[in-house]
Amino acid sequence: MGTLEDVLQCILEGKRDPEEISRELGMSVQKVKDAIQILKSLGYIEEVEKGSGTCSTCPLRKVCGGSCLLPKAKAYQLTKKSFSLKDHS
């Protein structure tokens, strides 16, 4: 797979932090951040904000209360567009 697909797969697996994805893929944090920006611009992922409507659908909402997103931290989730990629595989 290519870098974008690898980063997308990590996010699908629940990895939300660029540093965590960087360790998983063995690439620089900057390269992961660049891939995330490209995926955002293509509409495959979106940034999650603490207390957003996204928190209400998170499977960890009962134990987290939005605390998984620390101040100034960024996290990402897949959009519907990314799930459509499976239909074209």
PDB file of N, CA and C in Angstrom:
ATOM      1  N   MET A   1       0.845  -1.190   0.000  1.00  0.00           N
ATOM      2  CA  MET A   1       0.000   0.000   0.000  1.00  0.00           C
ATOM      3  C   MET A   1       0.882   1.243   0.000  1.00  0.00           C
ATOM      4  N   GLY A   2       0.303   2.360  -0.389  1.00  0.00           N
ATOM      5  CA  GLY A   2       1.006   3.618  -0.374  1.00  0.00           C
ATOM      6  C   GLY A   2       0.828   4.332   0.952  1.00  0.00           C
ATOM      7  N   THR A   3       1.538   5.399   1.129  1.00  0.00           N
ATOM      8  CA  THR A   3       1.503   6.146   2.384  1.00  0.00           C
ATOM      9  C   THR A   3       0.099   6.584   2.771  1.00  0.00           C
ATOM     10  N   LEU A   4      -0.646   7.148   1.841  1.00  0.00           N
ATOM     11  CA  LEU A   4      -1.996   7.623   2.154  1.00  0.00           C
ATOM     12  C   LEU A   4      -2.887   6.470   2.615  1.00  0.00           C
ATOM     13  N   GLU A   5      -2.808   5.356   1.911  1.00  0.00           N
ATOM     14  CA  GLU A   5      -3.612   4.195   2.284  1.00  0.00           C
ATOM     15  C   GLU A   5      -3.209   3.651   3.647  1.00  0.00           C
ATOM     16  N   ASP A   6      -1.908   3.649   3.924  1.00  0.00           N
ATOM     17  CA  ASP A   6      -1.412   3.164   5.214  1.00  0.00           C
ATOM     18  C   ASP A   6      -1.920   4.031   6.360  1.00  0.00           C
ATOM     19  N   VAL A   7      -1.861   5.338   6.184  1.00  0.00           N
ATOM     20  CA  VAL A   7      -2.335   6.259   7.220  1.00  0.00           C
ATOM     21  C   VAL A   7      -3.842   6.097   7.390  1.00  0.00           C
ATOM     22  N   LEU A   8      -4.562   5.998   6.298  1.00  0.00           N
ATOM     23  CA  LEU A   8      -6.012   5.801   6.350  1.00  0.00           C
ATOM     24  C   LEU A   8      -6.352   4.500   7.088  1.00  0.00           C
ATOM     25  N   GLN A   9      -5.601   3.442   6.823  1.00  0.00           N
ATOM     26  CA  GLN A   9      -5.830   2.165   7.491  1.00  0.00           C
ATOM     27  C   GLN A   9      -5.586   2.287   8.999  1.00  0.00           C
ATOM     28  N   CYS A  10      -4.554   3.002   9.394  1.00  0.00           N
ATOM     29  CA  CYS A  10      -4.279   3.207  10.820  1.00  0.00           C
ATOM     30  C   CYS A  10      -5.438   3.936  11.497  1.00  0.00           C
ATOM     31  N   ILE A  11      -5.961   4.946  10.847  1.00  0.00           N
ATOM     32  CA  ILE A  11      -7.092   5.684  11.411  1.00  0.00           C
ATOM     33  C   ILE A  11      -8.307   4.771  11.506  1.00  0.00           C
ATOM     34  N   LEU A  12      -8.514   3.943  10.491  1.00  0.00           N
ATOM     35  CA  LEU A  12      -9.617   2.977  10.511  1.00  0.00           C
ATOM     36  C   LEU A  12      -9.469   2.022  11.699  1.00  0.00           C
ATOM     37  N   GLU A  13      -8.246   1.673  12.044  1.00  0.00           N
ATOM     38  CA  GLU A  13      -7.968   0.758  13.158  1.00  0.00           C
ATOM     39  C   GLU A  13      -8.056   1.447  14.519  1.00  0.00           C
ATOM     40  N   GLY A  14      -8.317   2.753  14.525  1.00  0.00           N
ATOM     41  CA  GLY A  14      -8.504   3.451  15.791  1.00  0.00           C
ATOM     42  C   GLY A  14      -7.332   4.297  16.240  1.00  0.00           C
ATOM     43  N   LYS A  15      -6.292   4.340  15.463  1.00  0.00           N
ATOM     44  CA  LYS A  15      -5.156   5.200  15.812  1.00  0.00           C
ATOM     45  C   LYS A  15      -5.505   6.618  15.371  1.00  0.00           C
ATOM     46  N   ARG A  16      -5.475   7.554  16.295  1.00  0.00           N
ATOM     47  CA  ARG A  16      -5.945   8.899  16.001  1.00  0.00           C
ATOM     48  C   ARG A  16      -4.857   9.968  16.074  1.00  0.00           C
ATOM     49  N   ASP A  17      -3.734   9.623  16.620  1.00  0.00           N
ATOM     50  CA  ASP A  17      -2.686  10.594  16.886  1.00  0.00           C
ATOM     51  C   ASP A  17      -1.546  10.419  15.873  1.00  0.00           C
ATOM     52  N   PRO A  18      -1.084  11.498  15.241  1.00  0.00           N
ATOM     53  CA  PRO A  18       0.005  11.378  14.262  1.00  0.00           C
ATOM     54  C   PRO A  18       1.264  10.709  14.820  1.00  0.00           C
ATOM     55  N   GLU A  19       1.575  10.943  16.086  1.00  0.00           N
ATOM     56  CA  GLU A  19       2.754  10.320  16.680  1.00  0.00           C
ATOM     57  C   GLU A  19       2.574   8.803  16.773  1.00  0.00           C
ATOM     58  N   GLU A  20       1.381   8.373  17.148  1.00  0.00           N
ATOM     59  CA  GLU A  20       1.087   6.943  17.231  1.00  0.00           C
ATOM     60  C   GLU A  20       1.147   6.294  15.839  1.00  0.00           C
ATOM     61  N   ILE A  21       0.578   6.965  14.847  1.00  0.00           N
ATOM     62  CA  ILE A  21       0.606   6.454  13.471  1.00  0.00           C
ATOM     63  C   ILE A  21       2.047   6.397  12.967  1.00  0.00           C
ATOM     64  N   SER A  22       2.822   7.408  13.303  1.00  0.00           N
ATOM     65  CA  SER A  22       4.225   7.462  12.913  1.00  0.00           C
ATOM     66  C   SER A  22       4.989   6.244  13.430  1.00  0.00           C
ATOM     67  N   ARG A  23       4.782   5.924  14.705  1.00  0.00           N
ATOM     68  CA  ARG A  23       5.460   4.754  15.293  1.00  0.00           C
ATOM     69  C   ARG A  23       4.997   3.470  14.608  1.00  0.00           C
ATOM     70  N   GLU A  24       3.707   3.365  14.368  1.00  0.00           N
ATOM     71  CA  GLU A  24       3.145   2.161  13.744  1.00  0.00           C
ATOM     72  C   GLU A  24       3.717   1.922  12.356  1.00  0.00           C
ATOM     73  N   LEU A  25       3.854   2.990  11.573  1.00  0.00           N
ATOM     74  CA  LEU A  25       4.275   2.859  10.181  1.00  0.00           C
ATOM     75  C   LEU A  25       5.777   3.037   9.975  1.00  0.00           C
ATOM     76  N   GLY A  26       6.479   3.460  11.031  1.00  0.00           N
ATOM     77  CA  GLY A  26       7.921   3.659  10.902  1.00  0.00           C
ATOM     78  C   GLY A  26       8.281   4.792   9.971  1.00  0.00           C
ATOM     79  N   MET A  27       7.491   5.853  10.026  1.00  0.00           N
ATOM     80  CA  MET A  27       7.786   7.033   9.200  1.00  0.00           C
ATOM     81  C   MET A  27       7.781   8.271  10.088  1.00  0.00           C
ATOM     82  N   SER A  28       8.281   9.354   9.559  1.00  0.00           N
ATOM     83  CA  SER A  28       8.368  10.573  10.361  1.00  0.00           C
ATOM     84  C   SER A  28       6.982  11.124  10.685  1.00  0.00           C
ATOM     85  N   VAL A  29       6.906  11.815  11.803  1.00  0.00           N
ATOM     86  CA  VAL A  29       5.649  12.446  12.206  1.00  0.00           C
ATOM     87  C   VAL A  29       5.231  13.464  11.145  1.00  0.00           C
ATOM     88  N   GLN A  30       6.187  14.195  10.591  1.00  0.00           N
ATOM     89  CA  GLN A  30       5.860  15.191   9.576  1.00  0.00           C
ATOM     90  C   GLN A  30       5.244  14.547   8.338  1.00  0.00           C
ATOM     91  N   LYS A  31       5.769  13.387   7.936  1.00  0.00           N
ATOM     92  CA  LYS A  31       5.211  12.699   6.768  1.00  0.00           C
ATOM     93  C   LYS A  31       3.774  12.250   7.050  1.00  0.00           C
ATOM     94  N   VAL A  32       3.520  11.795   8.273  1.00  0.00           N
ATOM     95  CA  VAL A  32       2.163  11.402   8.659  1.00  0.00           C
ATOM     96  C   VAL A  32       1.248  12.626   8.639  1.00  0.00           C
ATOM     97  N   LYS A  33       1.722  13.741   9.206  1.00  0.00           N
ATOM     98  CA  LYS A  33       0.916  14.967   9.217  1.00  0.00           C
ATOM     99  C   LYS A  33       0.614  15.440   7.795  1.00  0.00           C
ATOM    100  N   ASP A  34       1.593  15.328   6.911  1.00  0.00           N
ATOM    101  CA  ASP A  34       1.373  15.705   5.508  1.00  0.00           C
ATOM    102  C   ASP A  34       0.319  14.806   4.872  1.00  0.00           C
ATOM    103  N   ALA A  35       0.398  13.503   5.136  1.00  0.00           N
ATOM    104  CA  ALA A  35      -0.580  12.559   4.592  1.00  0.00           C
ATOM    105  C   ALA A  35      -1.971  12.869   5.132  1.00  0.00           C
ATOM    106  N   ILE A  36      -2.050  13.213   6.412  1.00  0.00           N
ATOM    107  CA  ILE A  36      -3.335  13.567   7.017  1.00  0.00           C
ATOM    108  C   ILE A  36      -3.926  14.798   6.345  1.00  0.00           C
ATOM    109  N   GLN A  37      -3.099  15.792   6.069  1.00  0.00           N
ATOM    110  CA  GLN A  37      -3.591  17.001   5.400  1.00  0.00           C
ATOM    111  C   GLN A  37      -4.124  16.674   4.004  1.00  0.00           C
ATOM    112  N   ILE A  38      -3.430  15.788   3.304  1.00  0.00           N
ATOM    113  CA  ILE A  38      -3.893  15.393   1.968  1.00  0.00           C
ATOM    114  C   ILE A  38      -5.218  14.642   2.081  1.00  0.00           C
ATOM    115  N   LEU A  39      -5.302  13.709   3.023  1.00  0.00           N
ATOM    116  CA  LEU A  39      -6.546  12.946   3.208  1.00  0.00           C
ATOM    117  C   LEU A  39      -7.705  13.857   3.604  1.00  0.00           C
ATOM    118  N   LYS A  40      -7.421  14.874   4.424  1.00  0.00           N
ATOM    119  CA  LYS A  40      -8.458  15.855   4.782  1.00  0.00           C
ATOM    120  C   LYS A  40      -8.912  16.614   3.545  1.00  0.00           C
ATOM    121  N   SER A  41      -7.957  17.069   2.744  1.00  0.00           N
ATOM    122  CA  SER A  41      -8.307  17.866   1.568  1.00  0.00           C
ATOM    123  C   SER A  41      -9.078  17.045   0.543  1.00  0.00           C
ATOM    124  N   LEU A  42      -8.862  15.735   0.507  1.00  0.00           N
ATOM    125  CA  LEU A  42      -9.586  14.856  -0.403  1.00  0.00           C
ATOM    126  C   LEU A  42     -10.941  14.424   0.148  1.00  0.00           C
ATOM    127  N   GLY A  43     -11.184  14.746   1.427  1.00  0.00           N
ATOM    128  CA  GLY A  43     -12.467  14.426   2.034  1.00  0.00           C
ATOM    129  C   GLY A  43     -12.570  13.032   2.630  1.00  0.00           C
ATOM    130  N   TYR A  44     -11.439  12.345   2.827  1.00  0.00           N
ATOM    131  CA  TYR A  44     -11.474  10.989   3.362  1.00  0.00           C
ATOM    132  C   TYR A  44     -11.463  10.945   4.887  1.00  0.00           C
ATOM    133  N   ILE A  45     -10.958  11.988   5.510  1.00  0.00           N
ATOM    134  CA  ILE A  45     -10.976  12.067   6.970  1.00  0.00           C
ATOM    135  C   ILE A  45     -11.377  13.478   7.374  1.00  0.00           C
ATOM    136  N   GLU A  46     -11.790  13.588   8.628  1.00  0.00           N
ATOM    137  CA  GLU A  46     -12.121  14.899   9.173  1.00  0.00           C
ATOM    138  C   GLU A  46     -11.594  14.986  10.595  1.00  0.00           C
ATOM    139  N   GLU A  47     -11.313  16.192  11.008  1.00  0.00           N
ATOM    140  CA  GLU A  47     -10.825  16.418  12.363  1.00  0.00           C
ATOM    141  C   GLU A  47     -11.991  16.335  13.341  1.00  0.00           C
ATOM    142  N   VAL A  48     -11.739  15.712  14.475  1.00  0.00           N
ATOM    143  CA  VAL A  48     -12.746  15.569  15.515  1.00  0.00           C
ATOM    144  C   VAL A  48     -12.440  16.579  16.608  1.00  0.00           C
ATOM    145  N   GLU A  49     -13.444  17.340  17.006  1.00  0.00           N
ATOM    146  CA  GLU A  49     -13.264  18.302  18.077  1.00  0.00           C
ATOM    147  C   GLU A  49     -13.901  17.783  19.349  1.00  0.00           C
ATOM    148  N   LYS A  50     -13.276  18.077  20.460  1.00  0.00           N
ATOM    149  CA  LYS A  50     -13.792  17.647  21.755  1.00  0.00           C
ATOM    150  C   LYS A  50     -15.208  18.161  21.950  1.00  0.00           C
ATOM    151  N   GLY A  51     -16.092  17.260  22.354  1.00  0.00           N
ATOM    152  CA  GLY A  51     -17.474  17.639  22.603  1.00  0.00           C
ATOM    153  C   GLY A  51     -18.313  17.768  21.346  1.00  0.00           C
ATOM    154  N   SER A  52     -17.743  17.387  20.210  1.00  0.00           N
ATOM    155  CA  SER A  52     -18.491  17.504  18.962  1.00  0.00           C
ATOM    156  C   SER A  52     -19.553  16.412  18.882  1.00  0.00           C
ATOM    157  N   GLY A  53     -20.404  16.506  17.890  1.00  0.00           N
ATOM    158  CA  GLY A  53     -21.417  15.486  17.674  1.00  0.00           C
ATOM    159  C   GLY A  53     -20.803  14.109  17.464  1.00  0.00           C
ATOM    160  N   THR A  54     -19.563  14.097  17.012  1.00  0.00           N
ATOM    161  CA  THR A  54     -18.864  12.841  16.803  1.00  0.00           C
ATOM    162  C   THR A  54     -18.696  12.087  18.109  1.00  0.00           C
ATOM    163  N   CYS A  55     -18.490  12.808  19.183  1.00  0.00           N
ATOM    164  CA  CYS A  55     -18.333  12.154  20.480  1.00  0.00           C
ATOM    165  C   CYS A  55     -19.585  11.350  20.834  1.00  0.00           C
ATOM    166  N   SER A  56     -20.739  11.813  20.424  1.00  0.00           N
ATOM    167  CA  SER A  56     -21.978  11.122  20.777  1.00  0.00           C
ATOM    168  C   SER A  56     -22.104   9.763  20.093  1.00  0.00           C
ATOM    169  N   THR A  57     -21.375   9.546  19.002  1.00  0.00           N
ATOM    170  CA  THR A  57     -21.430   8.258  18.324  1.00  0.00           C
ATOM    171  C   THR A  57     -20.213   7.377  18.599  1.00  0.00           C
ATOM    172  N   CYS A  58     -19.286   7.867  19.360  1.00  0.00           N
ATOM    173  CA  CYS A  58     -18.065   7.122  19.671  1.00  0.00           C
ATOM    174  C   CYS A  58     -18.400   5.955  20.609  1.00  0.00           C
ATOM    175  N   PRO A  59     -17.857   4.772  20.345  1.00  0.00           N
ATOM    176  CA  PRO A  59     -18.141   3.635  21.218  1.00  0.00           C
ATOM    177  C   PRO A  59     -17.557   3.781  22.623  1.00  0.00           C
ATOM    178  N   LEU A  60     -16.646   4.689  22.815  1.00  0.00           N
ATOM    179  CA  LEU A  60     -16.040   4.895  24.137  1.00  0.00           C
ATOM    180  C   LEU A  60     -16.657   6.061  24.903  1.00  0.00           C
ATOM    181  N   ARG A  61     -17.732   6.631  24.390  1.00  0.00           N
ATOM    182  CA  ARG A  61     -18.308   7.842  24.986  1.00  0.00           C
ATOM    183  C   ARG A  61     -18.681   7.685  26.450  1.00  0.00           C
ATOM    184  N   LYS A  62     -19.089   6.481  26.860  1.00  0.00           N
ATOM    185  CA  LYS A  62     -19.522   6.288  28.242  1.00  0.00           C
ATOM    186  C   LYS A  62     -18.364   6.352  29.228  1.00  0.00           C
ATOM    187  N   VAL A  63     -17.174   6.009  28.780  1.00  0.00           N
ATOM    188  CA  VAL A  63     -16.022   6.036  29.674  1.00  0.00           C
ATOM    189  C   VAL A  63     -15.117   7.238  29.452  1.00  0.00           C
ATOM    190  N   CYS A  64     -15.264   7.887  28.316  1.00  0.00           N
ATOM    191  CA  CYS A  64     -14.354   8.972  27.951  1.00  0.00           C
ATOM    192  C   CYS A  64     -14.913  10.345  28.298  1.00  0.00           C
ATOM    193  N   GLY A  65     -16.115  10.601  27.910  1.00  0.00           N
ATOM    194  CA  GLY A  65     -16.689  11.924  28.128  1.00  0.00           C
ATOM    195  C   GLY A  65     -15.980  13.020  27.364  1.00  0.00           C
ATOM    196  N   GLY A  66     -15.317  12.658  26.275  1.00  0.00           N
ATOM    197  CA  GLY A  66     -14.589  13.652  25.478  1.00  0.00           C
ATOM    198  C   GLY A  66     -13.190  13.906  25.977  1.00  0.00           C
ATOM    199  N   SER A  67     -12.800  13.217  27.034  1.00  0.00           N
ATOM    200  CA  SER A  67     -11.477  13.469  27.610  1.00  0.00           C
ATOM    201  C   SER A  67     -10.356  12.872  26.772  1.00  0.00           C
ATOM    202  N   CYS A  68     -10.707  12.043  25.779  1.00  0.00           N
ATOM    203  CA  CYS A  68      -9.644  11.484  24.937  1.00  0.00           C
ATOM    204  C   CYS A  68      -9.027  12.567  24.061  1.00  0.00           C
ATOM    205  N   LEU A  69      -9.723  13.671  23.901  1.00  0.00           N
ATOM    206  CA  LEU A  69      -9.178  14.780  23.136  1.00  0.00           C
ATOM    207  C   LEU A  69      -8.699  15.856  24.102  1.00  0.00           C
ATOM    208  N   LEU A  70      -7.433  15.801  24.397  1.00  0.00           N
ATOM    209  CA  LEU A  70      -6.840  16.759  25.313  1.00  0.00           C
ATOM    210  C   LEU A  70      -6.802  18.139  24.679  1.00  0.00           C
ATOM    211  N   PRO A  71      -6.719  19.186  25.497  1.00  0.00           N
ATOM    212  CA  PRO A  71      -6.615  20.530  24.917  1.00  0.00           C
ATOM    213  C   PRO A  71      -5.455  20.597  23.925  1.00  0.00           C
ATOM    214  N   LYS A  72      -5.702  21.208  22.794  1.00  0.00           N
ATOM    215  CA  LYS A  72      -4.745  21.393  21.710  1.00  0.00           C
ATOM    216  C   LYS A  72      -4.394  20.107  20.977  1.00  0.00           C
ATOM    217  N   ALA A  73      -4.981  18.969  21.372  1.00  0.00           N
ATOM    218  CA  ALA A  73      -4.734  17.723  20.665  1.00  0.00           C
ATOM    219  C   ALA A  73      -5.654  17.646  19.456  1.00  0.00           C
ATOM    220  N   LYS A  74      -5.221  16.915  18.446  1.00  0.00           N
ATOM    221  CA  LYS A  74      -6.043  16.728  17.267  1.00  0.00           C
ATOM    222  C   LYS A  74      -6.275  15.243  17.085  1.00  0.00           C
ATOM    223  N   ALA A  75      -7.451  14.901  16.657  1.00  0.00           N
ATOM    224  CA  ALA A  75      -7.773  13.517  16.347  1.00  0.00           C
ATOM    225  C   ALA A  75      -8.590  13.521  15.066  1.00  0.00           C
ATOM    226  N   TYR A  76      -8.594  12.390  14.386  1.00  0.00           N
ATOM    227  CA  TYR A  76      -9.239  12.306  13.085  1.00  0.00           C
ATOM    228  C   TYR A  76     -10.111  11.070  13.010  1.00  0.00           C
ATOM    229  N   GLN A  77     -11.117  11.150  12.158  1.00  0.00           N
ATOM    230  CA  GLN A  77     -11.973   9.997  11.906  1.00  0.00           C
ATOM    231  C   GLN A  77     -12.233   9.913  10.417  1.00  0.00           C
ATOM    232  N   LEU A  78     -12.629   8.735   9.973  1.00  0.00           N
ATOM    233  CA  LEU A  78     -12.945   8.525   8.566  1.00  0.00           C
ATOM    234  C   LEU A  78     -14.282   9.173   8.230  1.00  0.00           C
ATOM    235  N   THR A  79     -14.409   9.606   7.008  1.00  0.00           N
ATOM    236  CA  THR A  79     -15.685  10.144   6.516  1.00  0.00           C
ATOM    237  C   THR A  79     -16.389   9.050   5.712  1.00  0.00           C
ATOM    238  N   LYS A  80     -17.623   9.299   5.332  1.00  0.00           N
ATOM    239  CA  LYS A  80     -18.372   8.341   4.510  1.00  0.00           C
ATOM    240  C   LYS A  80     -17.645   8.072   3.196  1.00  0.00           C
ATOM    241  N   LYS A  81     -16.973   9.081   2.683  1.00  0.00           N
ATOM    242  CA  LYS A  81     -16.255   8.932   1.417  1.00  0.00           C
ATOM    243  C   LYS A  81     -15.188   7.850   1.524  1.00  0.00           C
ATOM    244  N   SER A  82     -14.519   7.764   2.646  1.00  0.00           N
ATOM    245  CA  SER A  82     -13.453   6.760   2.795  1.00  0.00           C
ATOM    246  C   SER A  82     -14.025   5.348   2.799  1.00  0.00           C
ATOM    247  N   PHE A  83     -15.227   5.176   3.335  1.00  0.00           N
ATOM    248  CA  PHE A  83     -15.833   3.856   3.338  1.00  0.00           C
ATOM    249  C   PHE A  83     -16.243   3.424   1.928  1.00  0.00           C
ATOM    250  N   SER A  84     -16.465   4.376   1.049  1.00  0.00           N
ATOM    251  CA  SER A  84     -16.832   4.041  -0.322  1.00  0.00           C
ATOM    252  C   SER A  84     -15.638   3.458  -1.090  1.00  0.00           C
ATOM    253  N   LEU A  85     -14.434   3.623  -0.564  1.00  0.00           N
ATOM    254  CA  LEU A  85     -13.249   3.066  -1.222  1.00  0.00           C
ATOM    255  C   LEU A  85     -13.336   1.543  -1.308  1.00  0.00           C
ATOM    256  N   LYS A  86     -13.935   0.905  -0.297  1.00  0.00           N
ATOM    257  CA  LYS A  86     -14.077  -0.542  -0.299  1.00  0.00           C
ATOM    258  C   LYS A  86     -14.928  -1.007  -1.481  1.00  0.00           C
ATOM    259  N   ASP A  87     -15.886  -0.193  -1.876  1.00  0.00           N
ATOM    260  CA  ASP A  87     -16.774  -0.542  -2.971  1.00  0.00           C
ATOM    261  C   ASP A  87     -16.046  -0.553  -4.311  1.00  0.00           C
ATOM    262  N   HIS A  88     -14.904   0.147  -4.380  1.00  0.00           N
ATOM    263  CA  HIS A  88     -14.151   0.238  -5.633  1.00  0.00           C
ATOM    264  C   HIS A  88     -12.932  -0.658  -5.643  1.00  0.00           C
ATOM    265  N   SER A  89     -12.737  -1.454  -4.608  1.00  0.00           N
ATOM    266  CA  SER A  89     -11.555  -2.330  -4.539  1.00  0.00           C
ATOM    267  C   SER A  89     -11.773  -3.571  -5.357  1.00  0.00           C
TER     268      SER A  89
END
